[in-house]
Protein backbone atom coordinates (compact mmCIF):
# COMPACT_ATOMS: atom_id res chain seq x y z
CA MET A 1 43.34 29.25 108.05
CA GLU A 2 41.23 32.30 107.89
CA ARG A 3 44.39 34.34 107.61
CA GLU A 4 45.51 32.25 104.66
CA GLY A 5 42.15 32.70 102.92
CA TYR A 6 42.34 36.40 103.61
CA ASN A 7 45.87 36.63 102.22
CA ARG A 8 44.83 34.72 99.10
CA MET A 9 41.80 36.95 98.63
CA GLU A 10 43.98 40.02 99.15
CA ALA A 11 46.50 38.75 96.61
CA TYR A 12 43.69 37.90 94.22
CA TYR A 13 42.13 41.35 94.58
CA LYS A 14 45.52 43.03 94.22
CA ALA A 15 46.17 40.99 91.06
CA CYS A 16 42.73 41.95 89.74
CA GLU A 17 43.36 45.58 90.70
CA SER A 18 46.73 45.61 88.93
CA LYS A 19 45.15 43.97 85.85
CA LEU A 20 42.39 46.58 85.90
CA LYS A 21 44.97 49.37 86.28
CA GLU A 22 46.93 47.99 83.32
CA GLU A 23 43.72 47.71 81.34
CA ILE A 24 42.81 51.30 82.27
CA VAL A 25 46.25 52.50 81.16
CA ASP A 26 45.95 50.48 77.96
CA LEU A 27 42.45 51.85 77.28
CA ARG A 28 43.67 55.40 77.97
CA ASP A 29 46.50 54.85 75.48
CA LYS A 30 44.08 53.48 72.93
CA ALA A 31 41.68 56.37 73.61
CA GLY A 32 44.56 58.79 73.17
CA ASP A 33 45.59 57.06 69.95
CA PHE A 34 41.98 57.09 68.81
CA GLY A 35 41.73 60.76 69.70
CA LEU A 36 44.87 61.45 67.69
CA TYR A 37 43.53 59.32 64.87
CA ASN A 38 40.22 61.16 65.14
CA ASP A 39 42.08 64.48 65.02
CA TYR A 40 44.01 63.21 61.99
CA LEU A 41 40.76 62.20 60.27
CA ASP A 42 39.21 65.58 61.10
CA TYR A 43 42.30 67.24 59.67
CA LYS A 44 42.06 65.14 56.50
CA VAL A 45 38.35 65.94 56.12
CA LEU A 46 39.06 69.67 56.47
CA GLU A 47 41.97 69.40 54.05
CA LEU A 48 39.80 67.63 51.47
CA GLU A 49 36.96 70.12 51.93
CA ASP A 50 39.46 72.94 51.42
CA ALA A 51 40.85 71.30 48.28
CA LEU A 52 37.31 70.79 46.97
CA GLU A 53 36.47 74.44 47.63
CA ARG A 54 39.66 75.55 45.83
CA LYS A 55 38.78 73.35 42.84
CA LYS A 56 35.24 74.74 42.75
CA ARG A 57 36.66 78.27 42.83
CA ARG A 58 39.17 77.45 40.10
CA LEU A 59 36.42 75.90 37.97
CA SER A 60 34.14 78.92 38.36
CA ASP A 61 37.07 81.23 37.52
CA HIS A 62 37.82 79.12 34.45
CA ILE A 63 34.17 79.20 33.36
CA GLU A 64 34.10 82.98 33.84
CA MET A 65 37.31 83.32 31.83
CA GLU A 66 35.83 81.16 29.07
CA LYS A 67 32.75 83.41 28.98
CA ARG A 68 34.93 86.51 28.69
CA TYR A 69 37.11 84.81 26.10
CA GLY A 70 34.03 83.72 24.14
CA PHE A 71 32.62 87.25 24.22
CA ARG A 72 35.98 88.76 23.21
CA LYS A 73 36.30 86.18 20.42
CA MET A 74 32.79 86.99 19.19
CA MET A 75 33.61 90.73 19.20
CA LEU A 76 36.86 90.12 17.28
CA GLU A 77 35.07 87.95 14.73
CA SER A 78 32.45 90.66 14.28
CA HIS A 79 35.17 93.29 13.83
CA CYS A 80 37.01 91.01 11.38
CA ASN A 81 33.82 90.49 9.34
CA MET A 82 33.25 94.25 9.25
CA LEU A 83 36.84 94.82 8.10
CA GLU A 84 36.44 92.17 5.39
CA ARG A 85 33.33 93.97 4.11
CA GLU A 86 35.26 97.23 4.11
CA VAL A 87 38.12 95.60 2.16
CA VAL A 88 35.64 94.34 -0.45
CA GLN A 89 34.05 97.77 -0.69
CA LEU A 90 37.46 99.44 -0.98
CA SER A 91 38.53 97.03 -3.74
CA VAL A 92 35.32 97.80 -5.65
CA ASN A 93 35.94 101.53 -5.21
CA THR A 94 39.56 101.08 -6.30
CA ALA A 95 38.50 99.24 -9.48
CA HIS A 96 35.90 101.93 -10.20
CA ASN A 97 38.39 104.74 -9.63
CA GLN A 98 41.00 102.96 -11.74
CA CYS A 99 38.55 102.76 -14.64
CA HIS A 100 37.86 106.51 -14.35
CA LEU A 101 41.58 107.23 -14.09
CA ILE A 102 42.29 105.22 -17.26
CA GLU A 103 39.50 107.05 -19.08
CA TYR A 104 40.85 110.38 -17.84
CA MET A 105 44.37 109.49 -18.96
CA LYS A 106 43.04 108.50 -22.40
CA TYR A 107 41.12 111.75 -22.56
CA LYS A 108 44.22 113.75 -21.60
CA GLU A 109 46.27 111.91 -24.22
CA PHE A 110 43.59 112.56 -26.78
CA GLN A 111 43.54 116.25 -25.81
CA SER A 112 47.31 116.48 -26.01
CA ASP A 113 47.34 114.77 -29.45
CA ARG A 114 44.62 117.09 -30.67
CA ASP A 115 46.52 120.13 -29.39
CA ASP A 116 49.65 118.87 -31.14
CA ARG A 117 47.75 118.39 -34.39
CA ILE A 118 46.18 121.81 -34.20
CA SER A 119 49.43 123.60 -33.58
């Protein structure tokens, strides 16, 4: 009778031990999966941080380019305004010189007519 009780206890403990071993294996698998999942999440976090850093860099480069473009545009507008003023001044000078040229041509014609009349 004692032997039977002992055998049952031994079988019970062996069953418990095998259940615990299975549970340990299962928990190790889950821990491994969790570790892989954790590694995957760490990888994703690093990937997103990297993408964010690249976007920040791209944005700062774009802002810098816009500043340079704005400055270049301002310089071109200034140069264009200066050239427009020069064009206006040159057209005024051209009109003035044309008037003098017409007067000179009239004077030369008058002189030539006078010379023809005298001779």
